[in-house]
Amino acid sequence: MTPAQRIARLTGRDAFLKLLVDEGVTHLFGNPGTTELAIMEAVPGTPELNYVLGTQEAVVVGMADGFARASGRLAAVSLHVAPGLGNAMGALYNAKFSGSPLIVTCGQQEQGHGLLEPLLYDPLVPIAAPMVKWAIEATRVEDLPRILRRAAKVALTPPTGPVFVSLPGDVLDAEAELDLGHATRIEAATRPSDDALDRLAARLLAAKRPAIIAGHELATRDAFAEATALAELLGAAVYQQSVPYAASFPSEHPLYLGAFTRSQKLVRAALEDYDLLVCLGADLLRMSVMSPVSPLPETLPVVHISERDWELGKLSFTSASATGSWGRTIPPILRSAPTSNRRSPRCCRASPRRARRSWRRRRRGAALHSRRRTGARSATSCALMRCWRPRPRRSTPAS
């Protein structure tokens, strides 16, 4: 955007769309109603923006979430007043945990009109606030450039995530001389200190039977190559985090053993074989149903690497933690490993094979235990028995 294009007399609706385009948004997903008519009138005049119509708000946010995950780009959403935002909350919850960079907007009744409690009215910011990184309502058309620029910056700064902007009808209809400003991007690439990386590398290389939990940050930051190289260096079995938001590790790799369940007993049994748990960009053993059994064995040390410092040491004590960008944190660890310490491919594959056999035995034992306890084969136990039944050996033809 040139300086001449930055300053112009615009309506709120036109400024809103121009700001989205200048922030790199190519798709606006929406389910419009009366409070979004102003935006719909301006959409045909913004051919750079593709409007994707959805007939229910949960679907609209789900499409935007999927688009942001697949493309790695900022996406925008336009919802309809309080009930529409309520419909979208489940999908917005998913976008929060997946870290999708979304600018979620919602049309609101004109300021002052809400005092009359019109149909479908309720304050929007308190509804959205728990699910987003930042939530605000625009109260003047002059504030739209600052609000949209800040919203894009917050959504795209790691750890990424959705933000929310409430757009009252009178702000969209108002006209003023506006300075649209320019985009702000935060250079968030960081790395731990050399001493911290040396200690981390020494801790990882000292493990004899390490396991890795691969998380969705590896997919979000395209760090499959770094994670795979580290797993091969350590000869570590790799599991996907218990609540998967993306494919977090190459599933065809011989070190990959699949995703952890959310059964504390099964996860704990699987982890008892290891002497170190390395959590890479994952939620550490996030479970579902309450259980008196901890999924993490008390004697198993944990090394946690994540760009989300909130996750470090949140649920369990860690013996080592680090926050940093994947491209700057893992490569120094790989380079610091002596050639003699690198595990051969045979050694890399041996540990996962043992772990896979152990895991299968436990699953088979759990099915048999369920059968004895209930006195009948459940659908789950039958499926497990079919799954783990030994294959018959082929007989050699008589000569």
Protein backbone atom coordinates (compact mmCIF):
# COMPACT_ATOMS: atom_id res chain seq x y z
CA MET A 1 0.00 0.00 0.00
CA THR A 2 1.51 3.32 -1.13
CA PRO A 3 1.45 6.43 1.12
CA ALA A 4 -1.21 7.92 -1.15
CA GLN A 5 -3.38 4.81 -0.74
CA ARG A 6 -2.89 4.74 3.04
CA ILE A 7 -4.70 8.01 3.68
CA ALA A 8 -8.18 8.32 2.22
CA ARG A 9 -11.75 9.12 3.14
CA LEU A 10 -13.46 5.77 3.62
CA THR A 11 -16.46 4.18 5.23
CA GLY A 12 -15.87 1.66 7.99
CA ARG A 13 -16.95 -1.23 5.76
CA ASP A 14 -14.50 -0.32 2.98
CA ALA A 15 -11.68 0.30 5.43
CA PHE A 16 -12.31 -3.08 7.07
CA LEU A 17 -11.93 -4.98 3.79
CA LYS A 18 -8.95 -2.95 2.59
CA LEU A 19 -7.16 -3.60 5.85
CA LEU A 20 -7.78 -7.34 5.60
CA VAL A 21 -6.36 -7.44 2.07
CA ASP A 22 -3.30 -5.41 3.06
CA GLU A 23 -2.66 -7.82 5.95
CA GLY A 24 -2.45 -10.68 3.46
CA VAL A 25 -5.94 -12.12 3.94
CA THR A 26 -7.19 -13.80 0.77
CA HIS A 27 -10.32 -15.53 2.12
CA LEU A 28 -13.15 -14.19 4.26
CA PHE A 29 -15.39 -16.98 5.58
CA GLY A 30 -18.83 -15.86 6.66
CA ASN A 31 -22.47 -16.44 7.45
CA PRO A 32 -24.00 -12.98 7.07
CA GLY A 33 -27.10 -11.51 8.68
CA THR A 34 -28.58 -8.03 8.97
CA THR A 35 -25.66 -6.68 11.01
CA GLU A 36 -23.23 -7.80 8.27
CA LEU A 37 -25.12 -6.28 5.34
CA ALA A 38 -22.74 -3.33 5.26
CA ILE A 39 -19.79 -5.70 4.74
CA MET A 40 -21.66 -7.68 2.08
CA GLU A 41 -22.36 -4.49 0.14
CA ALA A 42 -18.63 -3.71 0.06
CA VAL A 43 -17.37 -7.21 -0.80
CA PRO A 44 -18.01 -6.92 -4.59
CA GLY A 45 -15.72 -3.87 -4.64
CA THR A 46 -12.83 -5.91 -3.20
CA PRO A 47 -12.04 -8.55 -5.85
CA GLU A 48 -8.77 -9.48 -4.12
CA LEU A 49 -10.81 -11.04 -1.31
CA ASN A 50 -12.60 -14.36 -1.81
CA TYR A 51 -15.82 -14.56 0.20
CA VAL A 52 -16.65 -18.16 1.25
CA LEU A 53 -20.27 -18.55 2.34
CA GLY A 54 -21.30 -20.97 5.06
CA THR A 55 -24.82 -21.65 6.32
CA GLN A 56 -23.89 -22.19 9.99
CA GLU A 57 -21.27 -20.46 12.09
CA ALA A 58 -19.54 -23.60 13.37
CA VAL A 59 -18.95 -24.66 9.76
CA VAL A 60 -17.68 -21.19 8.88
CA VAL A 61 -15.07 -21.13 11.65
CA GLY A 62 -14.17 -24.77 10.90
CA MET A 63 -13.46 -23.90 7.27
CA ALA A 64 -11.33 -20.93 8.27
CA ASP A 65 -9.48 -23.03 10.84
CA GLY A 66 -8.72 -25.71 8.25
CA PHE A 67 -7.63 -23.13 5.70
CA ALA A 68 -5.27 -21.47 8.18
CA ARG A 69 -3.77 -24.82 9.24
CA ALA A 70 -3.25 -26.01 5.66
CA SER A 71 -1.93 -22.74 4.24
CA GLY A 72 -0.15 -21.32 7.26
CA ARG A 73 -1.70 -17.95 6.41
CA LEU A 74 -3.97 -15.52 8.20
CA ALA A 75 -7.70 -16.05 7.56
CA ALA A 76 -10.73 -13.92 8.43
CA VAL A 77 -14.21 -14.85 9.66
CA SER A 78 -17.45 -12.85 9.69
CA LEU A 79 -20.16 -14.07 12.12
CA HIS A 80 -23.65 -12.83 12.97
CA VAL A 81 -24.39 -11.32 16.42
CA ALA A 82 -24.52 -13.17 19.75
CA PRO A 83 -26.32 -16.40 18.76
CA GLY A 84 -24.04 -16.77 15.74
CA LEU A 85 -20.98 -16.35 17.90
CA GLY A 86 -22.45 -18.91 20.29
CA ASN A 87 -22.87 -21.38 17.42
CA ALA A 88 -19.19 -20.92 16.56
CA MET A 89 -17.75 -21.44 20.04
CA GLY A 90 -16.99 -25.15 19.63
CA ALA A 91 -15.07 -24.55 16.40
CA LEU A 92 -13.38 -21.50 17.95
CA TYR A 93 -12.30 -23.74 20.84
CA ASN A 94 -10.58 -26.03 18.32
CA ALA A 95 -8.88 -23.06 16.63
CA LYS A 96 -7.59 -21.89 20.00
CA PHE A 97 -5.87 -25.19 20.78
CA SER A 98 -4.60 -25.71 17.23
CA GLY A 99 -3.13 -22.18 17.23
CA SER A 100 -4.79 -21.12 13.98
CA PRO A 101 -4.22 -17.44 13.11
CA LEU A 102 -7.76 -16.13 12.59
CA ILE A 103 -9.32 -12.67 12.72
CA VAL A 104 -12.86 -13.47 13.87
CA THR A 105 -15.32 -10.59 13.51
CA CYS A 106 -18.96 -10.35 14.45
CA GLY A 107 -21.54 -7.78 13.42
CA GLN A 108 -23.10 -6.00 16.38
CA GLN A 109 -26.14 -3.79 16.85
CA GLU A 110 -25.51 -0.05 16.64
CA GLN A 111 -24.02 1.48 19.77
CA GLY A 112 -26.79 2.66 22.07
CA HIS A 113 -29.34 0.44 20.40
CA GLY A 114 -28.29 -2.43 22.65
CA LEU A 115 -29.83 -0.60 25.59
CA LEU A 116 -33.23 -1.41 24.07
CA GLU A 117 -32.32 -5.13 24.10
CA PRO A 118 -33.13 -5.78 20.43
CA LEU A 119 -33.48 -9.25 18.97
CA LEU A 120 -30.22 -11.28 19.03
CA TYR A 121 -28.33 -8.67 21.08
CA ASP A 122 -25.81 -9.39 23.81
CA PRO A 123 -22.31 -8.05 24.56
CA LEU A 124 -19.95 -10.00 22.32
CA VAL A 125 -16.48 -9.44 23.79
CA PRO A 126 -17.18 -11.33 27.06
CA ILE A 127 -18.50 -14.30 25.05
CA ALA A 128 -15.44 -14.55 22.80
CA ALA A 129 -12.71 -13.58 25.27
CA PRO A 130 -12.00 -17.04 26.78
CA MET A 131 -11.33 -18.57 23.36
CA VAL A 132 -9.07 -15.94 21.77
CA LYS A 133 -5.75 -14.22 22.34
CA TRP A 134 -7.32 -10.74 22.22
CA ALA A 135 -10.91 -9.45 22.04
CA ILE A 136 -12.18 -5.90 21.48
CA GLU A 137 -15.14 -3.92 20.16
CA ALA A 138 -14.57 -1.02 17.78
CA THR A 139 -16.31 2.12 19.05
CA ARG A 140 -15.11 4.64 16.41
CA VAL A 141 -14.41 4.27 12.73
CA GLU A 142 -11.13 6.13 13.30
CA ASP A 143 -9.94 3.23 15.46
CA LEU A 144 -10.48 0.52 12.84
CA PRO A 145 -6.98 0.71 11.29
CA ARG A 146 -5.26 0.44 14.67
CA ILE A 147 -7.56 -2.40 15.78
CA LEU A 148 -7.22 -4.49 12.61
CA ARG A 149 -3.45 -4.00 12.44
CA ARG A 150 -3.07 -5.06 16.05
CA ALA A 151 -5.41 -8.01 15.56
CA ALA A 152 -3.34 -9.35 12.65
CA LYS A 153 -0.10 -8.86 14.56
CA VAL A 154 -1.39 -10.68 17.65
CA ALA A 155 -2.89 -13.56 15.64
CA LEU A 156 0.35 -14.18 13.71
CA THR A 157 2.84 -13.79 16.57
CA PRO A 158 3.86 -17.19 18.02
CA PRO A 159 2.19 -18.85 19.74
CA THR A 160 -0.35 -18.05 17.04
CA GLY A 161 -4.10 -18.12 17.58
CA PRO A 162 -7.48 -16.47 16.91
CA VAL A 163 -8.44 -12.92 17.86
CA PHE A 164 -11.89 -11.31 17.99
CA VAL A 165 -13.25 -7.94 16.83
CA SER A 166 -16.84 -6.79 17.38
CA LEU A 167 -18.07 -4.44 14.63
CA PRO A 168 -21.11 -2.29 15.52
CA GLY A 169 -23.27 -1.23 12.59
CA ASP A 170 -22.75 2.51 13.15
CA VAL A 171 -18.95 2.04 12.96
CA LEU A 172 -19.25 0.21 9.63
CA ASP A 173 -21.54 2.92 8.23
CA ALA A 174 -19.49 5.88 9.45
CA GLU A 175 -17.12 7.72 7.11
CA ALA A 176 -13.91 9.52 7.99
CA GLU A 177 -10.45 10.49 6.78
CA LEU A 178 -8.41 7.45 7.75
CA ASP A 179 -4.73 6.61 7.84
CA LEU A 180 -4.73 2.87 7.24
CA GLY A 181 -1.14 2.48 8.41
CA HIS A 182 0.87 -0.62 7.54
CA ALA A 183 1.28 -4.19 8.72
CA THR A 184 3.43 -5.09 11.71
CA ARG A 185 5.17 -8.45 11.95
CA ILE A 186 7.14 -9.58 14.99
CA GLU A 187 10.43 -11.41 14.40
CA ALA A 188 9.84 -14.15 16.94
CA ALA A 189 12.64 -16.55 15.99
CA THR A 190 14.56 -17.29 19.19
CA ARG A 191 16.85 -19.97 20.57
CA PRO A 192 18.11 -21.00 24.00
CA SER A 193 21.62 -20.00 25.06
CA ASP A 194 24.60 -22.11 24.03
CA ASP A 195 25.02 -23.38 27.58
CA ALA A 196 21.36 -24.40 27.77
CA LEU A 197 21.60 -26.20 24.44
CA ASP A 198 24.76 -28.02 25.54
CA ARG A 199 23.06 -29.22 28.73
CA LEU A 200 19.98 -30.24 26.76
CA ALA A 201 22.04 -32.19 24.21
CA ALA A 202 23.98 -33.96 26.96
CA ARG A 203 20.74 -34.95 28.69
CA LEU A 204 19.23 -36.32 25.48
CA LEU A 205 22.32 -38.24 24.39
CA ALA A 206 22.74 -39.84 27.82
CA ALA A 207 19.38 -41.63 27.52
CA LYS A 208 19.48 -45.32 26.62
CA ARG A 209 15.76 -45.84 25.91
CA PRO A 210 14.21 -42.47 25.05
CA ALA A 211 10.68 -41.88 23.75
CA ILE A 212 9.37 -38.80 21.96
CA ILE A 213 5.91 -37.26 22.05
CA ALA A 214 5.46 -35.33 18.78
CA GLY A 215 3.06 -32.38 18.97
CA HIS A 216 1.20 -30.13 16.59
CA GLU A 217 3.84 -27.39 16.73
CA LEU A 218 5.97 -29.60 14.48
CA ALA A 219 3.24 -29.46 11.83
CA THR A 220 2.46 -25.76 12.36
CA ARG A 221 6.12 -24.78 12.02
CA ASP A 222 6.98 -27.37 9.34
CA ALA A 223 9.58 -28.97 11.61
CA PHE A 224 9.17 -32.59 10.48
CA ALA A 225 12.74 -32.75 9.20
CA GLU A 226 14.23 -31.51 12.50
CA ALA A 227 12.03 -33.86 14.58
CA THR A 228 12.85 -36.85 12.37
CA ALA A 229 16.59 -36.15 12.53
CA LEU A 230 16.45 -35.90 16.32
CA ALA A 231 14.46 -39.14 16.64
CA GLU A 232 16.96 -40.96 14.42
CA LEU A 233 19.89 -39.53 16.36
CA LEU A 234 18.45 -40.76 19.67
CA GLY A 235 16.99 -44.00 18.33
CA ALA A 236 13.77 -42.93 20.06
CA ALA A 237 10.29 -44.37 19.70
CA VAL A 238 7.89 -41.63 18.56
CA TYR A 239 4.26 -41.24 19.63
CA GLN A 240 1.78 -38.60 18.57
CA GLN A 241 0.35 -36.44 21.35
CA SER A 242 -2.80 -37.75 23.02
CA VAL A 243 -5.01 -34.95 21.62
CA PRO A 244 -3.92 -34.61 17.98
CA TYR A 245 -4.59 -31.38 16.09
CA ALA A 246 -2.49 -32.36 13.08
CA ALA A 247 -0.28 -35.13 11.76
CA SER A 248 2.75 -34.47 13.96
CA PHE A 249 5.29 -36.97 12.57
CA PRO A 250 5.76 -38.92 9.30
CA SER A 251 3.52 -41.93 9.87
CA GLU A 252 5.51 -44.19 7.50
CA HIS A 253 8.74 -43.72 9.48
CA PRO A 254 9.91 -46.93 11.25
CA LEU A 255 10.28 -45.04 14.54
CA TYR A 256 6.63 -43.94 14.60
CA LEU A 257 4.39 -46.02 16.87
CA GLY A 258 1.11 -44.12 16.47
CA ALA A 259 -0.85 -41.81 18.74
CA PHE A 260 -1.19 -42.14 22.47
CA THR A 261 -4.67 -42.89 23.72
CA ARG A 262 -6.28 -40.85 26.50
CA SER A 263 -6.31 -43.87 28.82
CA GLN A 264 -3.97 -43.09 31.69
CA LYS A 265 -3.33 -46.78 32.46
CA LEU A 266 -2.39 -47.68 28.89
CA VAL A 267 -0.15 -44.66 28.43
CA ARG A 268 1.60 -45.26 31.74
CA ALA A 269 2.18 -48.91 30.86
CA ALA A 270 3.69 -47.94 27.51
CA LEU A 271 6.03 -45.37 29.07
CA GLU A 272 7.41 -47.68 31.75
CA ASP A 273 9.86 -49.16 29.25
CA TYR A 274 11.69 -45.85 28.71
CA ASP A 275 14.27 -43.90 30.68
CA LEU A 276 13.55 -40.45 29.17
CA LEU A 277 10.47 -38.76 27.71
CA VAL A 278 11.10 -35.98 25.20
CA CYS A 279 8.09 -33.77 24.52
CA LEU A 280 8.49 -31.89 21.22
CA GLY A 281 5.95 -29.11 20.68
CA ALA A 282 3.21 -31.15 22.35
CA ASP A 283 0.77 -30.87 25.20
CA LEU A 284 2.35 -33.15 27.78
CA LEU A 285 -0.02 -36.13 28.18
CA ARG A 286 -3.25 -34.16 28.07
CA MET A 287 -5.97 -36.60 29.09
CA SER A 288 -9.77 -36.64 29.08
CA VAL A 289 -11.62 -38.68 31.72
CA MET A 290 -10.36 -38.39 35.30
CA SER A 291 -8.34 -41.31 36.64
CA PRO A 292 -6.48 -41.93 39.91
CA VAL A 293 -3.60 -43.25 37.79
CA SER A 294 -1.09 -40.73 36.47
CA PRO A 295 -0.13 -41.33 32.81
CA LEU A 296 3.46 -40.34 33.62
CA PRO A 297 5.56 -42.78 35.70
CA GLU A 298 7.01 -40.98 38.71
CA THR A 299 10.58 -42.03 37.93
CA LEU A 300 10.48 -41.05 34.24
CA PRO A 301 12.34 -37.77 33.60
CA VAL A 302 10.88 -35.33 31.06
CA VAL A 303 12.57 -32.97 28.62
CA HIS A 304 10.09 -30.50 27.12
CA ILE A 305 10.78 -28.23 24.13
CA SER A 306 8.02 -25.87 22.99
CA GLU A 307 7.44 -22.37 21.68
CA ARG A 308 4.58 -22.08 24.19
CA ASP A 309 6.21 -21.34 27.54
CA TRP A 310 2.86 -21.86 29.29
CA GLU A 311 3.08 -25.59 28.53
CA LEU A 312 6.52 -26.06 30.10
CA GLY A 313 6.20 -27.63 33.53
CA LYS A 314 2.46 -27.01 33.51
CA LEU A 315 1.24 -30.52 34.35
CA SER A 316 4.41 -32.32 35.44
CA PHE A 317 7.85 -31.35 36.65
CA THR A 318 10.48 -31.44 33.93
CA SER A 319 14.17 -32.20 34.28
CA ALA A 320 14.93 -29.83 31.39
CA SER A 321 12.82 -27.30 29.47
CA ALA A 322 13.50 -24.95 26.60
CA THR A 323 11.49 -22.52 24.53
CA GLY A 324 12.58 -21.42 21.09
CA SER A 325 12.04 -21.63 17.36
CA TRP A 326 12.32 -25.12 15.95
CA GLY A 327 14.72 -24.14 13.19
CA ARG A 328 17.10 -22.63 15.75
CA THR A 329 16.75 -25.06 18.65
CA ILE A 330 17.01 -28.58 17.23
CA PRO A 331 19.81 -28.13 14.62
CA PRO A 332 22.44 -27.07 17.22
CA ILE A 333 21.61 -30.19 19.24
CA LEU A 334 22.07 -32.35 16.15
CA ARG A 335 25.40 -30.69 15.32
CA SER A 336 26.67 -31.07 18.87
CA ALA A 337 26.30 -34.86 18.85
CA PRO A 338 29.60 -36.68 18.17
CA THR A 339 29.57 -39.04 15.22
CA SER A 340 30.19 -41.97 17.57
CA ASN A 341 26.98 -41.18 19.44
CA ARG A 342 24.74 -41.40 16.40
CA ARG A 343 22.61 -44.53 16.47
CA SER A 344 22.72 -46.83 13.48
CA PRO A 345 19.46 -47.44 11.58
CA ARG A 346 19.28 -50.98 13.04
CA CYS A 347 19.57 -49.58 16.58
CA CYS A 348 16.97 -46.93 15.74
CA ARG A 349 14.47 -49.54 14.62
CA ALA A 350 15.10 -52.04 17.39
CA SER A 351 13.64 -49.99 20.23
CA PRO A 352 10.37 -49.21 18.41
CA ARG A 353 9.93 -52.87 17.51
CA ARG A 354 10.27 -53.86 21.14
CA ALA A 355 7.93 -51.07 22.18
CA ARG A 356 5.38 -52.03 19.52
CA ARG A 357 5.38 -55.67 20.66
CA SER A 358 5.06 -54.59 24.29
CA TRP A 359 2.21 -52.23 23.41
CA ARG A 360 0.37 -54.97 21.52
CA ARG A 361 0.74 -57.42 24.39
CA ARG A 362 -0.75 -54.91 26.79
CA ARG A 363 -3.66 -54.10 24.48
CA ARG A 364 -4.35 -57.82 24.02
CA GLY A 365 -4.14 -58.36 27.78
CA ALA A 366 -6.53 -55.46 28.39
CA ALA A 367 -9.08 -57.01 26.03
CA LEU A 368 -8.82 -60.42 27.73
CA HIS A 369 -9.16 -58.81 31.15
CA SER A 370 -12.28 -57.00 29.99
CA ARG A 371 -13.74 -60.24 28.70
CA ARG A 372 -13.11 -62.09 32.00
CA ARG A 373 -14.51 -59.21 34.05
CA THR A 374 -17.73 -58.82 32.06
CA GLY A 375 -18.21 -62.49 31.21
CA ALA A 376 -18.77 -61.63 27.56
CA ARG A 377 -16.82 -60.28 24.67
CA SER A 378 -17.38 -56.61 24.18
CA ALA A 379 -17.17 -55.11 20.71
CA THR A 380 -13.83 -53.57 21.67
CA SER A 381 -12.34 -56.81 22.98
CA CYS A 382 -13.53 -58.71 19.91
CA ALA A 383 -11.93 -56.14 17.65
CA LEU A 384 -8.69 -56.29 19.60
CA MET A 385 -8.65 -60.09 19.51
CA ARG A 386 -9.10 -60.02 15.75
CA CYS A 387 -6.47 -57.33 15.42
CA TRP A 388 -3.79 -59.06 17.48
CA ARG A 389 -4.44 -62.74 16.58
CA PRO A 390 -1.15 -64.27 15.35
CA ARG A 391 -1.01 -64.83 11.64
CA PRO A 392 -0.85 -68.53 10.60
CA ARG A 393 2.42 -69.60 9.14
CA ARG A 394 2.48 -70.52 5.50
CA SER A 395 3.03 -74.22 4.93
CA THR A 396 5.72 -75.14 2.48
CA PRO A 397 4.50 -77.16 -0.50
CA ALA A 398 5.46 -80.80 -0.53
CA SER A 399 8.22 -81.57 -2.94
